[in-house]
Amino acid sequence: MTDLRGRSLPSFSLDPDEVTLLTDPGQKGYDPRVTYPLDEEMVQSIMRHGVIIPIVVKRDGNRILPVDGRQRVLHAREANKRLIDQGLQPVRIQAVFRQGEDQRLFLASLAANTFRRQDRVYVMALKAAQALNYGSTADEVAKELRVTTATVENYLKLLQLHPKILNLVKANKLSYTVAMRLAKLPRDQQVPKFRELVKAGTTNANAVRVVIGGKLERVPPPNRQQLRRVADAVDARAFVLAGTQSQVGDAYAVLAWVLGRVSTEEALDILPAGPVAEAIKKGMRIK
């Protein structure tokens, strides 16, 4: 195994039982994920394909400790128990050594798990189509993607959407549910019907009405009472916004201004210079 510069990385194959998993919360390097219940589908996948992604380990005396890949180790152990019971060859794990201070290695572990995320539906659809092109059946693809066969069939329909509609799905600007409603329409009708949806509101209910017929219902904006409840939730930190503490504060400042709890001048004093403050200035015609 090599890095991006072509340099050889110290790696080897090992039995998952050779990796020491720390199970005592008092131990340095303990990770509570070692107590998580096993995912049956992941065990089944390892039994079929082995552990595809190498784990990262470090040496601690005679022990081999995981930096990244605890779940793969746990699931490989369970897969091996079943494979041995069936008289089959157990799987081994490819491991890469990582050297350095414990602090830096732990940060590396945090980073590895923080940036893992579920593929967007468009990417899932592409993967499904590619697997089918290689000769896999819809049932096989569904099993590996952990979806139903009907979902795989829907993925293929998604890829047949009008390019303008599909681009919105790719950019995560149109929900999968609404997109699949539009997929029921002839391609030349999809864009005009989508424009109708934009005017009334791209809700699932409206998307159904577009397909089967019926008057579209406009989505009303939140009323003052609803905004007040949201503002109180943000202020109490019961409503968690994705972002930093400063972003939460900015959101509350805007809501407080909308509700008339603070003046425009006070809101602009609270908000940092940026697009939100500029939008308020522009809307209020403040130079």
Protein backbone atom coordinates (compact mmCIF):
# COMPACT_ATOMS: atom_id res chain seq x y z
CA MET A 1 0.00 0.00 0.00
CA THR A 2 1.26 3.48 -0.87
CA ASP A 3 0.30 7.07 -0.10
CA LEU A 4 -0.55 9.70 -2.71
CA ARG A 5 3.14 10.36 -3.31
CA GLY A 6 3.83 6.71 -4.04
CA ARG A 7 5.65 6.09 -0.78
CA SER A 8 5.24 2.68 0.82
CA LEU A 9 3.12 2.57 3.97
CA PRO A 10 3.75 -0.09 6.65
CA SER A 11 0.78 -2.43 6.28
CA PHE A 12 0.01 -6.08 6.89
CA SER A 13 -2.79 -8.58 7.14
CA LEU A 14 -4.00 -9.71 10.56
CA ASP A 15 -6.66 -11.72 12.31
CA PRO A 16 -9.28 -9.37 13.83
CA ASP A 17 -8.73 -11.11 17.17
CA GLU A 18 -5.15 -9.81 17.16
CA VAL A 19 -6.44 -6.26 17.59
CA THR A 20 -6.92 -5.19 21.20
CA LEU A 21 -10.18 -3.29 21.76
CA LEU A 22 -10.26 -1.22 24.94
CA THR A 23 -13.52 -1.91 26.78
CA ASP A 24 -12.86 -0.15 30.09
CA PRO A 25 -14.14 3.47 30.06
CA GLY A 26 -11.27 4.36 32.38
CA GLN A 27 -8.63 3.31 29.86
CA LYS A 28 -6.89 5.97 27.81
CA GLY A 29 -8.04 5.67 24.22
CA TYR A 30 -11.38 4.04 25.11
CA ASP A 31 -14.11 4.61 22.51
CA PRO A 32 -17.74 3.96 23.52
CA ARG A 33 -18.54 2.67 20.03
CA VAL A 34 -17.04 -0.68 21.05
CA THR A 35 -20.26 -1.21 23.04
CA TYR A 36 -22.59 -0.50 20.11
CA PRO A 37 -24.77 -3.44 19.00
CA LEU A 38 -23.66 -5.24 15.86
CA ASP A 39 -25.20 -4.38 12.52
CA GLU A 40 -26.43 -7.65 11.02
CA GLU A 41 -26.18 -6.36 7.45
CA MET A 42 -22.57 -5.32 8.00
CA VAL A 43 -21.74 -8.79 9.36
CA GLN A 44 -23.36 -10.38 6.32
CA SER A 45 -21.45 -8.06 3.98
CA ILE A 46 -18.11 -8.97 5.59
CA MET A 47 -18.96 -12.64 5.30
CA ARG A 48 -19.49 -12.14 1.55
CA HIS A 49 -16.72 -9.68 0.72
CA GLY A 50 -14.38 -9.46 3.68
CA VAL A 51 -13.27 -6.13 5.16
CA ILE A 52 -12.81 -3.88 2.15
CA ILE A 53 -11.42 -0.75 3.81
CA PRO A 54 -8.16 -1.21 5.79
CA ILE A 55 -8.10 -0.24 9.44
CA VAL A 56 -5.49 2.06 10.98
CA VAL A 57 -3.58 0.78 14.01
CA LYS A 58 -0.73 1.69 16.33
CA ARG A 59 1.60 -0.37 18.53
CA ASP A 60 1.40 -0.13 22.30
CA GLY A 61 4.02 -2.50 23.62
CA ASN A 62 2.92 -5.95 22.51
CA ARG A 63 -0.59 -4.76 21.78
CA ILE A 64 -2.05 -3.60 18.48
CA LEU A 65 -4.58 -0.85 19.16
CA PRO A 66 -7.02 0.57 16.61
CA VAL A 67 -6.82 4.24 15.63
CA ASP A 68 -9.65 3.88 13.13
CA GLY A 69 -11.77 0.83 12.36
CA ARG A 70 -13.12 -0.52 15.64
CA GLN A 71 -16.49 -1.37 14.11
CA ARG A 72 -14.84 -3.27 11.26
CA VAL A 73 -12.88 -5.31 13.80
CA LEU A 74 -15.97 -6.11 15.88
CA HIS A 75 -18.05 -7.10 12.86
CA ALA A 76 -15.19 -9.15 11.36
CA ARG A 77 -14.93 -11.12 14.62
CA GLU A 78 -18.62 -12.01 14.47
CA ALA A 79 -18.40 -12.81 10.76
CA ASN A 80 -15.49 -15.19 11.45
CA LYS A 81 -17.40 -17.04 14.16
CA ARG A 82 -20.13 -17.80 11.65
CA LEU A 83 -17.74 -18.60 8.81
CA ILE A 84 -15.81 -21.07 10.98
CA ASP A 85 -19.08 -22.69 12.11
CA GLN A 86 -19.92 -23.18 8.42
CA GLY A 87 -16.50 -24.69 7.75
CA LEU A 88 -15.42 -21.68 5.69
CA GLN A 89 -12.21 -19.66 5.70
CA PRO A 90 -12.27 -16.74 8.17
CA VAL A 91 -11.52 -13.25 6.91
CA ARG A 92 -8.41 -11.24 7.70
CA ILE A 93 -8.10 -7.47 7.91
CA GLN A 94 -5.62 -5.30 6.09
CA ALA A 95 -4.11 -2.89 8.62
CA VAL A 96 -1.99 0.22 8.17
CA PHE A 97 0.40 1.34 10.90
CA ARG A 98 0.22 4.94 12.05
CA GLN A 99 2.92 6.38 14.26
CA GLY A 100 2.84 9.50 16.39
CA GLU A 101 1.76 10.95 19.69
CA ASP A 102 -1.47 9.67 21.23
CA GLN A 103 -3.02 13.13 21.03
CA ARG A 104 -2.47 13.40 17.27
CA LEU A 105 -3.59 9.83 16.64
CA PHE A 106 -6.81 10.39 18.59
CA LEU A 107 -7.50 13.56 16.60
CA ALA A 108 -6.95 11.55 13.43
CA SER A 109 -9.54 9.05 14.66
CA LEU A 110 -12.03 11.85 15.30
CA ALA A 111 -11.45 13.28 11.83
CA ALA A 112 -11.90 9.90 10.14
CA ASN A 113 -15.34 9.40 11.69
CA THR A 114 -16.48 13.02 11.49
CA PHE A 115 -16.22 13.21 7.72
CA ARG A 116 -17.97 9.94 6.97
CA ARG A 117 -21.45 10.61 5.69
CA GLN A 118 -24.24 8.86 3.92
CA ASP A 119 -24.12 9.19 0.16
CA ARG A 120 -26.71 11.50 -1.36
CA VAL A 121 -29.50 9.79 -3.23
CA TYR A 122 -28.07 10.83 -6.61
CA VAL A 123 -24.75 9.14 -5.80
CA MET A 124 -26.61 6.04 -4.61
CA ALA A 125 -28.53 5.99 -7.89
CA LEU A 126 -25.31 6.22 -9.91
CA LYS A 127 -23.75 3.39 -7.91
CA ALA A 128 -26.82 1.25 -8.45
CA ALA A 129 -26.77 1.88 -12.20
CA GLN A 130 -23.07 1.11 -12.44
CA ALA A 131 -23.47 -2.14 -10.51
CA LEU A 132 -26.31 -3.22 -12.81
CA ASN A 133 -24.19 -2.37 -15.84
CA TYR A 134 -21.51 -4.70 -14.50
CA GLY A 135 -24.06 -7.50 -14.51
CA SER A 136 -25.34 -7.52 -10.92
CA THR A 137 -29.03 -8.16 -10.35
CA ALA A 138 -31.36 -5.62 -8.75
CA ASP A 139 -31.66 -7.91 -5.71
CA GLU A 140 -27.87 -8.07 -5.30
CA VAL A 141 -27.53 -4.29 -5.61
CA ALA A 142 -30.35 -3.73 -3.12
CA LYS A 143 -28.67 -6.01 -0.58
CA GLU A 144 -25.32 -4.21 -0.82
CA LEU A 145 -26.86 -0.72 -0.73
CA ARG A 146 -29.15 -1.79 2.13
CA VAL A 147 -32.32 -0.73 0.34
CA THR A 148 -35.25 -2.56 -1.23
CA THR A 149 -35.35 -3.77 -4.82
CA ALA A 150 -38.13 -1.24 -5.46
CA THR A 151 -35.79 1.53 -4.32
CA VAL A 152 -33.14 0.37 -6.80
CA GLU A 153 -35.77 0.54 -9.55
CA ASN A 154 -36.67 4.06 -8.39
CA TYR A 155 -32.99 5.05 -8.54
CA LEU A 156 -32.98 4.16 -12.24
CA LYS A 157 -36.12 6.23 -12.82
CA LEU A 158 -34.47 9.12 -10.99
CA LEU A 159 -31.57 9.10 -13.45
CA GLN A 160 -34.06 9.39 -16.32
CA LEU A 161 -35.45 12.71 -15.06
CA HIS A 162 -35.19 15.83 -17.21
CA PRO A 163 -31.60 17.13 -16.84
CA LYS A 164 -32.78 20.39 -15.24
CA ILE A 165 -34.72 18.48 -12.59
CA LEU A 166 -31.93 15.96 -12.08
CA ASN A 167 -29.42 18.78 -11.56
CA LEU A 168 -31.55 20.08 -8.68
CA VAL A 169 -31.47 16.63 -7.08
CA LYS A 170 -27.70 16.44 -7.60
CA ALA A 171 -27.29 19.82 -5.89
CA ASN A 172 -29.53 18.66 -3.00
CA LYS A 173 -32.02 21.42 -3.84
CA LEU A 174 -34.95 19.14 -4.56
CA SER A 175 -36.06 16.29 -2.31
CA TYR A 176 -35.97 12.72 -3.53
CA THR A 177 -39.69 12.30 -2.74
CA VAL A 178 -40.79 15.25 -4.86
CA ALA A 179 -38.38 14.28 -7.65
CA MET A 180 -39.88 10.79 -7.80
CA ARG A 181 -43.36 12.29 -8.13
CA LEU A 182 -42.16 14.29 -11.13
CA ALA A 183 -40.54 11.15 -12.56
CA LYS A 184 -44.04 9.76 -13.12
CA LEU A 185 -44.66 12.49 -15.69
CA PRO A 186 -43.47 12.50 -19.31
CA ARG A 187 -40.10 14.22 -19.48
CA ASP A 188 -41.41 17.20 -21.49
CA GLN A 189 -43.93 17.95 -18.72
CA GLN A 190 -41.53 17.77 -15.81
CA VAL A 191 -40.00 21.25 -16.01
CA PRO A 192 -43.32 23.12 -16.57
CA LYS A 193 -44.92 21.22 -13.69
CA PHE A 194 -41.93 21.91 -11.49
CA ARG A 195 -42.33 25.65 -12.16
CA GLU A 196 -45.91 25.37 -10.95
CA LEU A 197 -44.63 23.65 -7.83
CA VAL A 198 -42.14 26.42 -7.14
CA LYS A 199 -44.90 29.03 -7.17
CA ALA A 200 -47.16 27.06 -4.83
CA GLY A 201 -44.56 25.24 -2.74
CA THR A 202 -42.53 22.14 -3.49
CA THR A 203 -44.28 19.97 -0.94
CA ASN A 204 -44.95 16.28 -1.40
CA ALA A 205 -48.71 16.93 -1.32
CA ASN A 206 -48.44 19.46 -4.14
CA ALA A 207 -46.20 17.09 -6.09
CA VAL A 208 -48.93 14.43 -5.85
CA ARG A 209 -51.51 16.94 -7.10
CA VAL A 210 -49.27 17.77 -10.05
CA VAL A 211 -49.23 14.11 -11.08
CA ILE A 212 -52.85 13.08 -10.47
CA GLY A 213 -54.43 16.50 -10.99
CA GLY A 214 -55.93 18.97 -8.58
CA LYS A 215 -55.52 22.51 -7.37
CA LEU A 216 -52.14 23.29 -5.87
CA GLU A 217 -52.23 24.69 -2.35
CA ARG A 218 -49.88 27.52 -1.58
CA VAL A 219 -47.63 26.97 1.40
CA PRO A 220 -48.35 29.75 3.90
CA PRO A 221 -45.38 31.51 5.48
CA PRO A 222 -44.89 31.00 9.23
CA ASN A 223 -47.08 33.27 11.31
CA ARG A 224 -45.86 35.46 14.14
CA GLN A 225 -46.76 32.92 16.83
CA GLN A 226 -44.82 30.17 15.06
CA LEU A 227 -41.80 32.45 14.66
CA ARG A 228 -41.99 33.34 18.34
CA ARG A 229 -41.90 29.66 19.33
CA VAL A 230 -38.88 29.09 17.11
CA ALA A 231 -37.14 32.14 18.56
CA ASP A 232 -37.78 30.93 22.11
CA ALA A 233 -36.45 27.48 21.22
CA VAL A 234 -33.28 28.94 19.74
CA ASP A 235 -32.82 31.23 22.73
CA ALA A 236 -33.21 28.26 25.08
CA ARG A 237 -30.82 26.19 22.95
CA ALA A 238 -33.52 23.52 22.79
CA PHE A 239 -33.49 23.94 19.04
CA VAL A 240 -30.05 22.90 17.79
CA LEU A 241 -28.81 24.55 14.62
CA ALA A 242 -26.11 22.93 12.55
CA GLY A 243 -23.17 25.25 12.92
CA THR A 244 -21.11 27.12 15.42
CA GLN A 245 -22.27 28.93 18.53
CA SER A 246 -21.89 32.25 16.70
CA GLN A 247 -24.23 31.03 13.95
CA VAL A 248 -26.84 30.11 16.56
CA GLY A 249 -26.52 33.61 17.99
CA ASP A 250 -26.88 35.16 14.54
CA ALA A 251 -30.03 33.14 13.85
CA TYR A 252 -31.56 34.27 17.14
CA ALA A 253 -30.70 37.90 16.40
CA VAL A 254 -32.54 37.73 13.07
CA LEU A 255 -35.59 36.07 14.64
CA ALA A 256 -35.62 38.61 17.46
CA TRP A 257 -35.53 41.39 14.87
CA VAL A 258 -38.36 39.80 12.81
CA LEU A 259 -40.51 39.59 15.95
CA GLY A 260 -39.78 43.17 16.89
CA ARG A 261 -37.89 42.25 20.04
CA VAL A 262 -34.89 44.30 18.96
CA SER A 263 -34.68 47.32 16.68
CA THR A 264 -33.04 47.23 13.28
CA GLU A 265 -30.07 49.17 14.67
CA GLU A 266 -29.70 46.71 17.56
CA ALA A 267 -29.88 43.72 15.18
CA LEU A 268 -27.20 45.22 12.95
CA ASP A 269 -25.03 45.85 16.01
CA ILE A 270 -25.36 42.19 16.99
CA LEU A 271 -24.86 40.68 13.55
CA PRO A 272 -21.37 40.48 12.03
CA ALA A 273 -20.73 42.11 8.69
CA GLY A 274 -21.88 39.74 5.98
CA PRO A 275 -24.71 38.79 3.62
CA VAL A 276 -27.39 38.65 6.35
CA ALA A 277 -26.64 42.13 7.66
CA GLU A 278 -26.42 43.45 4.09
CA ALA A 279 -29.79 41.91 3.25
CA ILE A 280 -31.40 43.67 6.23
CA LYS A 281 -29.82 46.97 5.24
CA LYS A 282 -31.01 46.55 1.68
CA GLY A 283 -34.51 45.53 2.71
CA MET A 284 -34.77 48.47 5.12
CA ARG A 285 -33.02 50.79 2.63
CA ILE A 286 -30.25 51.62 5.07
CA LYS A 287 -26.99 52.89 3.60
